[in-house]
Amino acid sequence: MRLVELTGQSGTVKIAFPGEITAAFRTNLMGEQIARLEAEPVKSPVYGPLSWQQVTLSMRGNEIATLYLDLAQGRKTTRDLGSFRSVWADIPLDYQRGVTLLPMHQAPVLARQQSPACPG
């Protein structure tokens, strides 16, 4: 995350995030760690089930600060998309077996034939 101080005044910046901040570092513009930032609990600004945490840092006037944050809520999670196939696909599994791929200029014709939601 990059922060830019535009008013020319030094000050303290507090940034809060939902969930746990598992690691926070101030880095240089290349992403190399300069200093570790400590996360502390903070009162949630909105109603919800998540607890919030914040990091605090000092900035000089007109400074660009770069932060590395490892947010537990933002981590990649694996998902079994096959279990939710009915949400993202409208072509039945039986139809997919043994189907040959059509050239791109013929694909819209197939989509209109298969999906009643698409007016012809």
Protein backbone atom coordinates (compact mmCIF):
# COMPACT_ATOMS: atom_id res chain seq x y z
CA MET A 1 0.00 0.00 0.00
CA ARG A 2 1.33 3.43 -0.88
CA LEU A 3 0.49 6.54 1.12
CA VAL A 4 1.25 10.07 -0.05
CA GLU A 5 1.27 13.11 2.24
CA LEU A 6 0.08 16.01 0.06
CA THR A 7 -0.28 18.95 2.48
CA GLY A 8 3.41 19.34 3.31
CA GLN A 9 2.82 18.74 7.04
CA SER A 10 4.31 15.98 9.18
CA GLY A 11 1.97 13.82 11.18
CA THR A 12 0.90 10.43 12.47
CA VAL A 13 -1.18 8.12 10.30
CA LYS A 14 -3.42 5.38 11.65
CA ILE A 15 -4.87 2.85 9.21
CA ALA A 16 -7.44 0.28 10.33
CA PHE A 17 -8.40 -2.97 8.61
CA PRO A 18 -11.05 -5.61 9.30
CA GLY A 19 -9.70 -8.89 10.60
CA GLU A 20 -6.22 -9.77 11.75
CA ILE A 21 -3.08 -8.05 10.47
CA THR A 22 -0.62 -10.93 10.66
CA ALA A 23 2.39 -8.87 9.49
CA ALA A 24 3.00 -5.20 8.71
CA PHE A 25 6.22 -3.58 7.51
CA ARG A 26 7.27 -0.20 6.25
CA THR A 27 9.23 -0.77 3.05
CA ASN A 28 11.22 1.23 0.56
CA LEU A 29 9.89 1.78 -2.97
CA MET A 30 11.38 -1.58 -4.03
CA GLY A 31 9.47 -3.46 -1.32
CA GLU A 32 12.51 -4.14 0.89
CA GLN A 33 11.60 -4.09 4.59
CA ILE A 34 12.74 -1.05 6.57
CA ALA A 35 10.81 -1.36 9.86
CA ARG A 36 8.23 -3.65 11.40
CA LEU A 37 4.89 -2.04 12.32
CA GLU A 38 2.93 -3.38 15.27
CA ALA A 39 -0.77 -4.04 14.82
CA GLU A 40 -3.10 -3.18 17.67
CA PRO A 41 -6.80 -3.84 18.19
CA VAL A 42 -9.15 -0.95 17.46
CA LYS A 43 -12.88 -0.43 17.83
CA SER A 44 -14.78 -1.43 14.70
CA PRO A 45 -16.04 1.59 12.72
CA VAL A 46 -18.99 -0.45 11.44
CA TYR A 47 -21.28 -3.10 12.90
CA GLY A 48 -20.17 -6.60 12.00
CA PRO A 49 -18.68 -9.87 13.22
CA LEU A 50 -15.05 -9.01 12.46
CA SER A 51 -12.65 -7.45 14.90
CA TRP A 52 -10.44 -4.69 13.51
CA GLN A 53 -6.74 -3.90 13.87
CA GLN A 54 -4.71 -0.82 13.01
CA VAL A 55 -1.12 0.15 12.30
CA THR A 56 0.37 3.53 13.14
CA LEU A 57 3.23 5.30 11.39
CA SER A 58 4.76 8.76 11.20
CA MET A 59 5.07 10.60 7.91
CA ARG A 60 7.02 13.70 6.94
CA GLY A 61 5.56 16.38 4.72
CA ASN A 62 5.31 15.35 1.04
CA GLU A 63 6.57 11.87 1.87
CA ILE A 64 5.61 8.72 -0.01
CA ALA A 65 5.34 5.75 2.37
CA THR A 66 5.09 2.15 1.20
CA LEU A 67 3.61 -0.53 3.45
CA TYR A 68 3.56 -4.30 3.20
CA LEU A 69 0.50 -5.75 4.93
CA ASP A 70 -0.42 -9.40 5.36
CA LEU A 71 -4.15 -9.32 6.03
CA ALA A 72 -5.71 -12.62 7.07
CA GLN A 73 -9.00 -11.68 5.35
CA GLY A 74 -7.18 -10.98 2.08
CA ARG A 75 -5.31 -14.25 1.79
CA LYS A 76 -5.99 -16.50 -1.15
CA THR A 77 -8.33 -19.38 -0.39
CA THR A 78 -8.99 -22.41 -2.53
CA ARG A 79 -12.54 -22.91 -3.69
CA ASP A 80 -14.24 -25.93 -5.18
CA LEU A 81 -15.90 -24.21 -8.14
CA GLY A 82 -17.45 -27.49 -9.31
CA SER A 83 -19.71 -27.47 -6.25
CA PHE A 84 -21.11 -24.08 -7.31
CA ARG A 85 -21.38 -24.89 -11.01
CA SER A 86 -25.07 -24.04 -11.10
CA VAL A 87 -24.19 -20.46 -10.21
CA TRP A 88 -21.57 -19.76 -12.88
CA ALA A 89 -22.41 -22.11 -15.76
CA ASP A 90 -25.60 -22.74 -17.67
CA ILE A 91 -24.35 -25.61 -19.88
CA PRO A 92 -25.29 -29.01 -18.39
CA LEU A 93 -22.48 -31.42 -17.57
CA ASP A 94 -23.94 -34.06 -19.91
CA TYR A 95 -23.68 -31.63 -22.79
CA GLN A 96 -20.01 -30.92 -22.10
CA ARG A 97 -18.97 -34.54 -22.46
CA GLY A 98 -17.80 -35.24 -25.98
CA VAL A 99 -18.48 -31.74 -27.26
CA THR A 100 -16.24 -30.28 -29.95
CA LEU A 101 -15.11 -26.69 -29.67
CA LEU A 102 -16.57 -24.26 -32.18
CA PRO A 103 -14.73 -21.39 -33.83
CA MET A 104 -15.31 -18.07 -32.07
CA HIS A 105 -17.62 -16.72 -34.79
CA GLN A 106 -20.02 -19.64 -34.20
CA ALA A 107 -19.98 -19.55 -30.37
CA PRO A 108 -22.64 -16.78 -30.01
CA VAL A 109 -25.07 -18.87 -32.08
CA LEU A 110 -24.61 -21.81 -29.72
CA ALA A 111 -25.10 -19.54 -26.69
CA ARG A 112 -28.41 -18.25 -28.05
CA GLN A 113 -29.65 -21.80 -28.68
CA GLN A 114 -28.67 -23.08 -25.22
CA SER A 115 -29.74 -20.21 -22.99
CA PRO A 116 -33.41 -19.16 -22.86
CA ALA A 117 -32.35 -16.03 -20.95
CA CYS A 118 -30.62 -14.60 -24.05
CA PRO A 119 -33.16 -13.19 -26.49
CA GLY A 120 -32.27 -14.13 -30.05
